[in-house]
Amino acid sequence: MATIAEAVHDLLKANEALQGREDEAKAIVQEWMNQQGHNRCHYYPELFKKLADLYGIKQTVDSCLPLREEFEAGCRKYQEEEYGPKS
C-alpha cells in the first residue's frame, strides 16, 4: 500500500504530464491561429493529426471531401465571417 507521500508524489507527476500535454495542445492550436493570407482558410490535417496523436484519438470514419463548388462556397463563407464581405 502506497503512503500518502507516495500518492501525492504520483498525483503531482500526473499533473505535470497533463500540463505538458495541455501546453503542447495550445502550441498546436496557436500554430493554426497564426496562419495568414490564403493559408488561413485552409484545413490543416497535419495540425489536427498532431492533436489527435497527442490525445490518442483514432479516426473512426473514412475521410470525405465535399464537391469543389461546396468547398469553394465554404471558403467564401469563412472569408465573409472572418473578414467581412468582399468589396
N, C-alpha and C. Protein backbone atom coordinates (compact mmCIF):
# COMPACT_ATOMS: atom_id res chain seq x y z
N MET A 1 0.84 -1.19 0.00
CA MET A 1 0.00 0.00 0.00
C MET A 1 0.88 1.25 0.00
N ALA A 2 0.51 2.21 -0.86
CA ALA A 2 1.30 3.44 -1.00
C ALA A 2 1.07 4.36 0.18
N THR A 3 2.12 5.05 0.55
CA THR A 3 1.98 6.03 1.62
C THR A 3 1.31 7.29 1.05
N ILE A 4 0.89 8.15 1.93
CA ILE A 4 0.27 9.41 1.49
C ILE A 4 1.28 10.21 0.68
N ALA A 5 2.53 10.24 1.12
CA ALA A 5 3.56 10.99 0.40
C ALA A 5 3.75 10.42 -1.00
N GLU A 6 3.73 9.10 -1.16
CA GLU A 6 3.87 8.48 -2.47
C GLU A 6 2.67 8.80 -3.36
N ALA A 7 1.50 8.77 -2.77
CA ALA A 7 0.29 9.08 -3.53
C ALA A 7 0.31 10.52 -4.00
N VAL A 8 0.72 11.45 -3.14
CA VAL A 8 0.81 12.85 -3.52
C VAL A 8 1.86 13.03 -4.61
N HIS A 9 2.99 12.36 -4.46
CA HIS A 9 4.04 12.41 -5.47
C HIS A 9 3.50 11.94 -6.81
N ASP A 10 2.78 10.82 -6.83
CA ASP A 10 2.20 10.29 -8.07
C ASP A 10 1.21 11.25 -8.69
N LEU A 11 0.39 11.88 -7.86
CA LEU A 11 -0.58 12.86 -8.36
C LEU A 11 0.13 14.08 -8.97
N LEU A 12 1.19 14.53 -8.33
CA LEU A 12 1.93 15.68 -8.86
C LEU A 12 2.59 15.34 -10.19
N LYS A 13 3.14 14.13 -10.31
CA LYS A 13 3.74 13.71 -11.58
C LYS A 13 2.68 13.63 -12.68
N ALA A 14 1.51 13.10 -12.34
CA ALA A 14 0.42 13.00 -13.32
C ALA A 14 -0.03 14.40 -13.74
N ASN A 15 -0.10 15.31 -12.79
CA ASN A 15 -0.49 16.68 -13.09
C ASN A 15 0.53 17.35 -14.02
N GLU A 16 1.82 17.11 -13.77
CA GLU A 16 2.86 17.66 -14.63
C GLU A 16 2.72 17.12 -16.06
N ALA A 17 2.43 15.85 -16.19
CA ALA A 17 2.25 15.25 -17.52
C ALA A 17 1.06 15.87 -18.24
N LEU A 18 -0.05 16.06 -17.52
CA LEU A 18 -1.23 16.69 -18.12
C LEU A 18 -0.95 18.13 -18.52
N GLN A 19 -0.21 18.84 -17.69
CA GLN A 19 0.13 20.23 -18.00
C GLN A 19 0.99 20.29 -19.25
N GLY A 20 1.93 19.35 -19.37
CA GLY A 20 2.77 19.30 -20.56
C GLY A 20 1.95 19.03 -21.81
N ARG A 21 0.98 18.14 -21.70
CA ARG A 21 0.11 17.83 -22.83
C ARG A 21 -0.74 19.05 -23.19
N GLU A 22 -1.25 19.74 -22.18
CA GLU A 22 -2.05 20.94 -22.44
C GLU A 22 -1.21 22.01 -23.12
N ASP A 23 0.02 22.21 -22.67
CA ASP A 23 0.90 23.20 -23.28
C ASP A 23 1.18 22.84 -24.74
N GLU A 24 1.39 21.56 -25.01
CA GLU A 24 1.65 21.12 -26.38
C GLU A 24 0.42 21.33 -27.26
N ALA A 25 -0.76 21.02 -26.72
CA ALA A 25 -2.01 21.23 -27.47
C ALA A 25 -2.20 22.71 -27.78
N LYS A 26 -1.93 23.57 -26.82
CA LYS A 26 -2.06 25.01 -27.04
C LYS A 26 -1.11 25.48 -28.14
N ALA A 27 0.11 24.94 -28.16
CA ALA A 27 1.08 25.32 -29.19
C ALA A 27 0.61 24.89 -30.58
N ILE A 28 -0.02 23.72 -30.66
CA ILE A 28 -0.53 23.23 -31.94
C ILE A 28 -1.66 24.13 -32.43
N VAL A 29 -2.57 24.49 -31.54
CA VAL A 29 -3.68 25.37 -31.92
C VAL A 29 -3.14 26.75 -32.29
N GLN A 30 -2.14 27.23 -31.55
CA GLN A 30 -1.54 28.53 -31.85
C GLN A 30 -0.91 28.52 -33.24
N GLU A 31 -0.32 27.39 -33.63
CA GLU A 31 0.26 27.25 -34.97
C GLU A 31 -0.81 27.50 -36.03
N TRP A 32 -2.01 26.98 -35.84
CA TRP A 32 -3.10 27.22 -36.79
C TRP A 32 -3.56 28.67 -36.72
N MET A 33 -3.71 29.20 -35.52
CA MET A 33 -4.20 30.57 -35.36
C MET A 33 -3.27 31.58 -36.02
N ASN A 34 -1.99 31.28 -36.13
CA ASN A 34 -1.02 32.20 -36.70
C ASN A 34 -0.93 32.13 -38.22
N GLN A 35 -1.69 31.25 -38.84
CA GLN A 35 -1.67 31.19 -40.30
C GLN A 35 -2.21 32.50 -40.86
N GLN A 36 -1.67 32.91 -41.99
CA GLN A 36 -2.06 34.19 -42.58
C GLN A 36 -2.42 34.03 -44.05
N GLY A 37 -3.07 35.04 -44.59
CA GLY A 37 -3.39 35.09 -46.01
C GLY A 37 -4.20 33.91 -46.48
N HIS A 38 -3.85 33.42 -47.67
CA HIS A 38 -4.59 32.32 -48.28
C HIS A 38 -4.56 31.07 -47.40
N ASN A 39 -3.47 30.86 -46.69
CA ASN A 39 -3.35 29.67 -45.83
C ASN A 39 -4.35 29.68 -44.68
N ARG A 40 -4.79 30.83 -44.27
CA ARG A 40 -5.66 30.96 -43.11
C ARG A 40 -6.96 30.19 -43.28
N CYS A 41 -7.46 30.08 -44.49
CA CYS A 41 -8.77 29.49 -44.70
C CYS A 41 -8.71 28.00 -45.00
N HIS A 42 -7.54 27.43 -44.99
CA HIS A 42 -7.42 26.02 -45.34
C HIS A 42 -7.40 25.12 -44.12
N TYR A 43 -7.89 23.94 -44.33
CA TYR A 43 -7.87 22.90 -43.32
C TYR A 43 -6.45 22.38 -43.21
N TYR A 44 -5.96 22.18 -42.03
CA TYR A 44 -4.60 21.73 -41.80
C TYR A 44 -4.60 20.33 -41.20
N PRO A 45 -4.65 19.30 -42.03
CA PRO A 45 -4.71 17.95 -41.49
C PRO A 45 -3.50 17.60 -40.62
N GLU A 46 -2.34 18.15 -40.93
CA GLU A 46 -1.16 17.81 -40.13
C GLU A 46 -1.27 18.34 -38.70
N LEU A 47 -1.89 19.52 -38.53
CA LEU A 47 -2.07 20.06 -37.18
C LEU A 47 -3.10 19.26 -36.40
N PHE A 48 -4.20 18.91 -37.05
CA PHE A 48 -5.23 18.14 -36.36
C PHE A 48 -4.74 16.73 -36.07
N LYS A 49 -3.87 16.19 -36.94
CA LYS A 49 -3.28 14.87 -36.68
C LYS A 49 -2.39 14.94 -35.44
N LYS A 50 -1.63 16.03 -35.30
CA LYS A 50 -0.80 16.20 -34.10
C LYS A 50 -1.66 16.20 -32.84
N LEU A 51 -2.79 16.92 -32.88
CA LEU A 51 -3.68 16.95 -31.73
C LEU A 51 -4.28 15.57 -31.45
N ALA A 52 -4.70 14.89 -32.52
CA ALA A 52 -5.27 13.55 -32.35
C ALA A 52 -4.22 12.61 -31.75
N ASP A 53 -3.00 12.67 -32.25
CA ASP A 53 -1.93 11.82 -31.72
C ASP A 53 -1.66 12.15 -30.25
N LEU A 54 -1.65 13.43 -29.92
CA LEU A 54 -1.39 13.87 -28.55
C LEU A 54 -2.40 13.28 -27.59
N TYR A 55 -3.65 13.20 -28.01
CA TYR A 55 -4.72 12.70 -27.15
C TYR A 55 -5.10 11.25 -27.43
N GLY A 56 -4.37 10.60 -28.33
CA GLY A 56 -4.64 9.20 -28.63
C GLY A 56 -5.97 8.98 -29.33
N ILE A 57 -6.40 9.94 -30.13
CA ILE A 57 -7.68 9.85 -30.82
C ILE A 57 -7.46 9.19 -32.19
N LYS A 58 -8.25 8.19 -32.49
CA LYS A 58 -8.16 7.47 -33.76
C LYS A 58 -9.34 7.84 -34.64
N GLN A 59 -9.10 7.95 -35.95
CA GLN A 59 -10.17 8.23 -36.90
C GLN A 59 -11.10 7.02 -36.97
N THR A 60 -12.41 7.27 -36.92
CA THR A 60 -13.38 6.16 -36.91
C THR A 60 -14.21 6.10 -38.18
N VAL A 61 -14.07 7.08 -39.06
CA VAL A 61 -14.77 7.08 -40.34
C VAL A 61 -13.78 7.46 -41.43
N ASP A 62 -14.05 7.07 -42.66
CA ASP A 62 -13.19 7.43 -43.78
C ASP A 62 -13.31 8.92 -44.09
N SER A 63 -12.22 9.52 -44.55
CA SER A 63 -12.22 10.93 -44.93
C SER A 63 -13.02 11.12 -46.21
N CYS A 64 -13.70 12.26 -46.29
CA CYS A 64 -14.52 12.56 -47.46
C CYS A 64 -14.57 14.08 -47.62
N LEU A 65 -14.22 14.55 -48.80
CA LEU A 65 -14.28 15.98 -49.08
C LEU A 65 -15.56 16.31 -49.85
N PRO A 66 -16.08 17.53 -49.68
CA PRO A 66 -17.25 17.94 -50.46
C PRO A 66 -16.86 18.18 -51.92
N LEU A 67 -17.85 18.31 -52.78
CA LEU A 67 -17.60 18.70 -54.16
C LEU A 67 -16.94 20.07 -54.18
N ARG A 68 -16.17 20.37 -55.23
CA ARG A 68 -15.42 21.62 -55.31
C ARG A 68 -16.32 22.84 -55.09
N GLU A 69 -17.50 22.86 -55.71
CA GLU A 69 -18.39 24.01 -55.57
C GLU A 69 -18.77 24.23 -54.09
N GLU A 70 -19.09 23.14 -53.41
CA GLU A 70 -19.44 23.24 -51.99
C GLU A 70 -18.23 23.68 -51.17
N PHE A 71 -17.06 23.17 -51.52
CA PHE A 71 -15.82 23.55 -50.83
C PHE A 71 -15.56 25.05 -50.99
N GLU A 72 -15.67 25.53 -52.23
CA GLU A 72 -15.42 26.95 -52.50
C GLU A 72 -16.45 27.84 -51.81
N ALA A 73 -17.70 27.37 -51.75
CA ALA A 73 -18.73 28.14 -51.04
C ALA A 73 -18.38 28.23 -49.55
N GLY A 74 -17.85 27.14 -49.01
CA GLY A 74 -17.41 27.16 -47.61
C GLY A 74 -16.27 28.13 -47.38
N CYS A 75 -15.35 28.20 -48.33
CA CYS A 75 -14.24 29.16 -48.24
C CYS A 75 -14.76 30.59 -48.27
N ARG A 76 -15.71 30.85 -49.18
CA ARG A 76 -16.29 32.21 -49.26
C ARG A 76 -17.00 32.56 -47.95
N LYS A 77 -17.76 31.62 -47.41
CA LYS A 77 -18.47 31.85 -46.15
C LYS A 77 -17.48 32.15 -45.03
N TYR A 78 -16.42 31.36 -44.96
CA TYR A 78 -15.40 31.58 -43.94
C TYR A 78 -14.79 32.97 -44.07
N GLN A 79 -14.43 33.35 -45.30
CA GLN A 79 -13.82 34.66 -45.53
C GLN A 79 -14.76 35.79 -45.11
N GLU A 80 -16.04 35.66 -45.47
CA GLU A 80 -17.00 36.71 -45.12
C GLU A 80 -17.22 36.78 -43.61
N GLU A 81 -17.26 35.62 -42.94
CA GLU A 81 -17.48 35.62 -41.49
C GLU A 81 -16.26 36.16 -40.75
N GLU A 82 -15.07 35.86 -41.24
CA GLU A 82 -13.85 36.30 -40.56
C GLU A 82 -13.46 37.72 -40.90
N TYR A 83 -13.67 38.13 -42.17
CA TYR A 83 -13.13 39.41 -42.63
C TYR A 83 -14.16 40.34 -43.24
N GLY A 84 -15.42 39.94 -43.30
CA GLY A 84 -16.46 40.76 -43.88
C GLY A 84 -16.58 40.49 -45.37
N PRO A 85 -17.69 40.92 -45.98
CA PRO A 85 -17.91 40.69 -47.41
C PRO A 85 -16.82 41.37 -48.26
N LYS A 86 -16.52 40.75 -49.40
CA LYS A 86 -15.56 41.37 -50.34
C LYS A 86 -16.16 42.65 -50.86
N SER A 87 -15.29 43.66 -51.05
CA SER A 87 -15.79 44.92 -51.61
C SER A 87 -15.63 44.91 -53.11
